[in-house]
Amino acid sequence: MDNIFPFYVYFIAADIPLAAARRDVSEVEYMDIVFHDLSVHGFNTVWLNAVDYRLLPEWLAAARRHNLRVIAHGGETIWPVPEGIDPITHSQQLVRTFYQEQCPRFTDDPTLLAYVVAEEVPI
């Protein structure tokens, strides 16, 4: 991968079905619309918040078409912590599950710059 200093936009990926429907385009077409616009405006990376990992291959393909990198933020939310469960144990379990299930799927894809497994960890 080339050296990169991420200049990114934080994009709410969970909103894509509604946004695509409003434009009367497919979700993949909408990904291209968004990524084309970001690329034209000089961004080189997109932080996909709340990305559905079932759609991550399509997001990565769209990013490649527009010479962008992806920071994928998805998986489970840490909030709320189930009653009676230690917040740190809960967070560690979610992170471990994520790494075991998702990371091996995209190990060799240079478009994927980073994962954000969780934020706002209740410590």
C-alpha atoms as a PDB file:
ATOM      1  CA  MET A   1       0.000   0.000   0.000  1.00  0.00           C
ATOM      2  CA  ASP A   2       1.203   3.506  -0.697  1.00  0.00           C
ATOM      3  CA  ASN A   3       1.976   5.745   2.212  1.00  0.00           C
ATOM      4  CA  ILE A   4      -1.198   7.505   3.214  1.00  0.00           C
ATOM      5  CA  PHE A   5      -2.144  10.245   5.615  1.00  0.00           C
ATOM      6  CA  PRO A   6      -5.882   9.706   6.084  1.00  0.00           C
ATOM      7  CA  PHE A   7      -7.947  12.756   5.211  1.00  0.00           C
ATOM      8  CA  TYR A   8     -11.379  11.388   5.869  1.00  0.00           C
ATOM      9  CA  VAL A   9     -15.096  11.946   6.183  1.00  0.00           C
ATOM     10  CA  TYR A  10     -17.194  10.292   8.872  1.00  0.00           C
ATOM     11  CA  PHE A  11     -20.087   8.724   6.973  1.00  0.00           C
ATOM     12  CA  ILE A  12     -23.121   7.036   8.555  1.00  0.00           C
ATOM     13  CA  ALA A  13     -23.258   3.838   6.498  1.00  0.00           C
ATOM     14  CA  ALA A  14     -26.380   2.559   8.259  1.00  0.00           C
ATOM     15  CA  ASP A  15     -28.432   5.230   6.461  1.00  0.00           C
ATOM     16  CA  ILE A  16     -27.667   3.881   2.995  1.00  0.00           C
ATOM     17  CA  PRO A  17     -30.922   1.932   2.380  1.00  0.00           C
ATOM     18  CA  LEU A  18     -33.077   5.011   3.012  1.00  0.00           C
ATOM     19  CA  ALA A  19     -30.742   7.374   1.149  1.00  0.00           C
ATOM     20  CA  ALA A  20     -30.572   5.082  -1.888  1.00  0.00           C
ATOM     21  CA  ALA A  21     -34.353   4.670  -1.937  1.00  0.00           C
ATOM     22  CA  ARG A  22     -34.822   8.452  -1.847  1.00  0.00           C
ATOM     23  CA  ARG A  23     -32.660   8.754  -4.980  1.00  0.00           C
ATOM     24  CA  ASP A  24     -34.272   5.706  -6.577  1.00  0.00           C
ATOM     25  CA  VAL A  25     -30.919   3.950  -6.997  1.00  0.00           C
ATOM     26  CA  SER A  26     -29.488   0.695  -5.685  1.00  0.00           C
ATOM     27  CA  GLU A  27     -27.356   0.671  -2.551  1.00  0.00           C
ATOM     28  CA  VAL A  28     -24.238  -0.057  -4.629  1.00  0.00           C
ATOM     29  CA  GLU A  29     -25.049   2.843  -6.979  1.00  0.00           C
ATOM     30  CA  TYR A  30     -25.453   5.090  -3.954  1.00  0.00           C
ATOM     31  CA  MET A  31     -22.064   3.976  -2.612  1.00  0.00           C
ATOM     32  CA  ASP A  32     -20.555   5.075  -5.933  1.00  0.00           C
ATOM     33  CA  ILE A  33     -22.354   8.428  -5.805  1.00  0.00           C
ATOM     34  CA  VAL A  34     -21.026   9.122  -2.298  1.00  0.00           C
ATOM     35  CA  PHE A  35     -17.496   7.906  -2.968  1.00  0.00           C
ATOM     36  CA  HIS A  36     -17.238   9.771  -6.272  1.00  0.00           C
ATOM     37  CA  ASP A  37     -18.244  12.998  -4.529  1.00  0.00           C
ATOM     38  CA  LEU A  38     -15.735  12.478  -1.715  1.00  0.00           C
ATOM     39  CA  SER A  39     -12.938  11.639  -4.135  1.00  0.00           C
ATOM     40  CA  VAL A  40     -13.634  14.696  -6.296  1.00  0.00           C
ATOM     41  CA  HIS A  41     -13.456  16.863  -3.178  1.00  0.00           C
ATOM     42  CA  GLY A  42      -9.999  15.603  -2.241  1.00  0.00           C
ATOM     43  CA  PHE A  43     -10.720  13.040   0.450  1.00  0.00           C
ATOM     44  CA  ASN A  44      -8.697   9.827   0.426  1.00  0.00           C
ATOM     45  CA  THR A  45     -10.403   7.891   3.228  1.00  0.00           C
ATOM     46  CA  VAL A  46     -13.934   7.256   4.474  1.00  0.00           C
ATOM     47  CA  TRP A  47     -14.782   6.313   8.047  1.00  0.00           C
ATOM     48  CA  LEU A  48     -17.861   4.120   7.607  1.00  0.00           C
ATOM     49  CA  ASN A  49     -19.772   4.396  10.858  1.00  0.00           C
ATOM     50  CA  ALA A  50     -22.284   1.656  11.665  1.00  0.00           C
ATOM     51  CA  VAL A  51     -21.341  -0.319   8.570  1.00  0.00           C
ATOM     52  CA  ASP A  52     -23.169  -3.580   8.013  1.00  0.00           C
ATOM     53  CA  TYR A  53     -20.314  -6.061   7.588  1.00  0.00           C
ATOM     54  CA  ARG A  54     -22.431  -8.093   5.180  1.00  0.00           C
ATOM     55  CA  LEU A  55     -22.093  -5.107   2.814  1.00  0.00           C
ATOM     56  CA  LEU A  56     -18.426  -4.399   3.508  1.00  0.00           C
ATOM     57  CA  PRO A  57     -17.222  -6.168   0.318  1.00  0.00           C
ATOM     58  CA  GLU A  58     -19.418  -3.810  -1.739  1.00  0.00           C
ATOM     59  CA  TRP A  59     -18.187  -0.778   0.208  1.00  0.00           C
ATOM     60  CA  LEU A  60     -14.570  -1.833  -0.360  1.00  0.00           C
ATOM     61  CA  ALA A  61     -15.166  -2.393  -4.080  1.00  0.00           C
ATOM     62  CA  ALA A  62     -16.750   1.057  -4.390  1.00  0.00           C
ATOM     63  CA  ALA A  63     -13.813   2.585  -2.504  1.00  0.00           C
ATOM     64  CA  ARG A  64     -11.357   0.931  -4.906  1.00  0.00           C
ATOM     65  CA  ARG A  65     -13.271   2.331  -7.895  1.00  0.00           C
ATOM     66  CA  HIS A  66     -12.760   5.831  -6.482  1.00  0.00           C
ATOM     67  CA  ASN A  67      -9.233   5.395  -5.105  1.00  0.00           C
ATOM     68  CA  LEU A  68     -10.337   5.678  -1.483  1.00  0.00           C
ATOM     69  CA  ARG A  69      -9.394   3.789   1.671  1.00  0.00           C
ATOM     70  CA  VAL A  70     -11.902   2.652   4.296  1.00  0.00           C
ATOM     71  CA  ILE A  71     -11.956   2.744   8.069  1.00  0.00           C
ATOM     72  CA  ALA A  72     -14.723   0.295   8.955  1.00  0.00           C
ATOM     73  CA  HIS A  73     -16.641   0.929  12.145  1.00  0.00           C
ATOM     74  CA  GLY A  74     -19.293  -1.608  12.882  1.00  0.00           C
ATOM     75  CA  GLY A  75     -20.141  -4.635  14.880  1.00  0.00           C
ATOM     76  CA  GLU A  76     -21.995  -4.540  18.135  1.00  0.00           C
ATOM     77  CA  THR A  77     -22.641  -1.508  20.228  1.00  0.00           C
ATOM     78  CA  ILE A  78     -21.226  -1.613  23.712  1.00  0.00           C
ATOM     79  CA  TRP A  79     -24.128   0.368  25.148  1.00  0.00           C
ATOM     80  CA  PRO A  80     -26.142  -0.486  27.062  1.00  0.00           C
ATOM     81  CA  VAL A  81     -24.192  -2.919  29.168  1.00  0.00           C
ATOM     82  CA  PRO A  82     -26.486  -5.776  30.213  1.00  0.00           C
ATOM     83  CA  GLU A  83     -27.533  -5.561  33.833  1.00  0.00           C
ATOM     84  CA  GLY A  84     -25.276  -7.518  36.159  1.00  0.00           C
ATOM     85  CA  ILE A  85     -22.411  -7.707  33.630  1.00  0.00           C
ATOM     86  CA  ASP A  86     -19.057  -6.057  34.242  1.00  0.00           C
ATOM     87  CA  PRO A  87     -18.583  -3.327  31.575  1.00  0.00           C
ATOM     88  CA  ILE A  88     -14.952  -4.248  30.921  1.00  0.00           C
ATOM     89  CA  THR A  89     -15.740  -7.957  30.531  1.00  0.00           C
ATOM     90  CA  HIS A  90     -18.661  -7.084  28.247  1.00  0.00           C
ATOM     91  CA  SER A  91     -16.457  -4.849  26.064  1.00  0.00           C
ATOM     92  CA  GLN A  92     -13.688  -7.440  25.835  1.00  0.00           C
ATOM     93  CA  GLN A  93     -16.158 -10.138  24.810  1.00  0.00           C
ATOM     94  CA  LEU A  94     -17.608  -8.006  22.007  1.00  0.00           C
ATOM     95  CA  VAL A  95     -14.173  -7.058  20.711  1.00  0.00           C
ATOM     96  CA  ARG A  96     -12.932 -10.669  20.814  1.00  0.00           C
ATOM     97  CA  THR A  97     -16.031 -11.893  18.958  1.00  0.00           C
ATOM     98  CA  PHE A  98     -15.600  -9.188  16.328  1.00  0.00           C
ATOM     99  CA  TYR A  99     -11.970 -10.047  15.672  1.00  0.00           C
ATOM    100  CA  GLN A 100     -12.676 -13.754  15.456  1.00  0.00           C
ATOM    101  CA  GLU A 101     -15.607 -13.346  13.054  1.00  0.00           C
ATOM    102  CA  GLN A 102     -14.787 -10.341  10.875  1.00  0.00           C
ATOM    103  CA  CYS A 103     -11.073  -9.637  10.685  1.00  0.00           C
ATOM    104  CA  PRO A 104     -10.096 -12.838   8.833  1.00  0.00           C
ATOM    105  CA  ARG A 105     -12.553 -11.964   6.039  1.00  0.00           C
ATOM    106  CA  PHE A 106     -10.659  -8.863   4.889  1.00  0.00           C
ATOM    107  CA  THR A 107      -7.056  -9.481   5.944  1.00  0.00           C
ATOM    108  CA  ASP A 108      -5.601  -9.112   2.440  1.00  0.00           C
ATOM    109  CA  ASP A 109      -7.643  -6.139   1.227  1.00  0.00           C
ATOM    110  CA  PRO A 110      -5.421  -3.030   0.979  1.00  0.00           C
ATOM    111  CA  THR A 111      -8.495  -0.818   0.682  1.00  0.00           C
ATOM    112  CA  LEU A 112      -9.343  -1.503   4.327  1.00  0.00           C
ATOM    113  CA  LEU A 113      -7.125   0.853   6.271  1.00  0.00           C
ATOM    114  CA  ALA A 114      -8.401   0.108   9.780  1.00  0.00           C
ATOM    115  CA  TYR A 115     -11.179  -1.236  11.933  1.00  0.00           C
ATOM    116  CA  VAL A 116     -12.892   0.662  14.693  1.00  0.00           C
ATOM    117  CA  VAL A 117     -14.231  -2.060  16.889  1.00  0.00           C
ATOM    118  CA  ALA A 118     -15.851   0.065  19.541  1.00  0.00           C
ATOM    119  CA  GLU A 119     -15.929   3.599  20.804  1.00  0.00           C
ATOM    120  CA  GLU A 120     -17.238   5.122  23.998  1.00  0.00           C
ATOM    121  CA  VAL A 121     -16.126   2.090  25.975  1.00  0.00           C
ATOM    122  CA  PRO A 122     -17.765   2.205  29.422  1.00  0.00           C
ATOM    123  CA  ILE A 123     -14.721   2.135  31.672  1.00  0.00           C
END
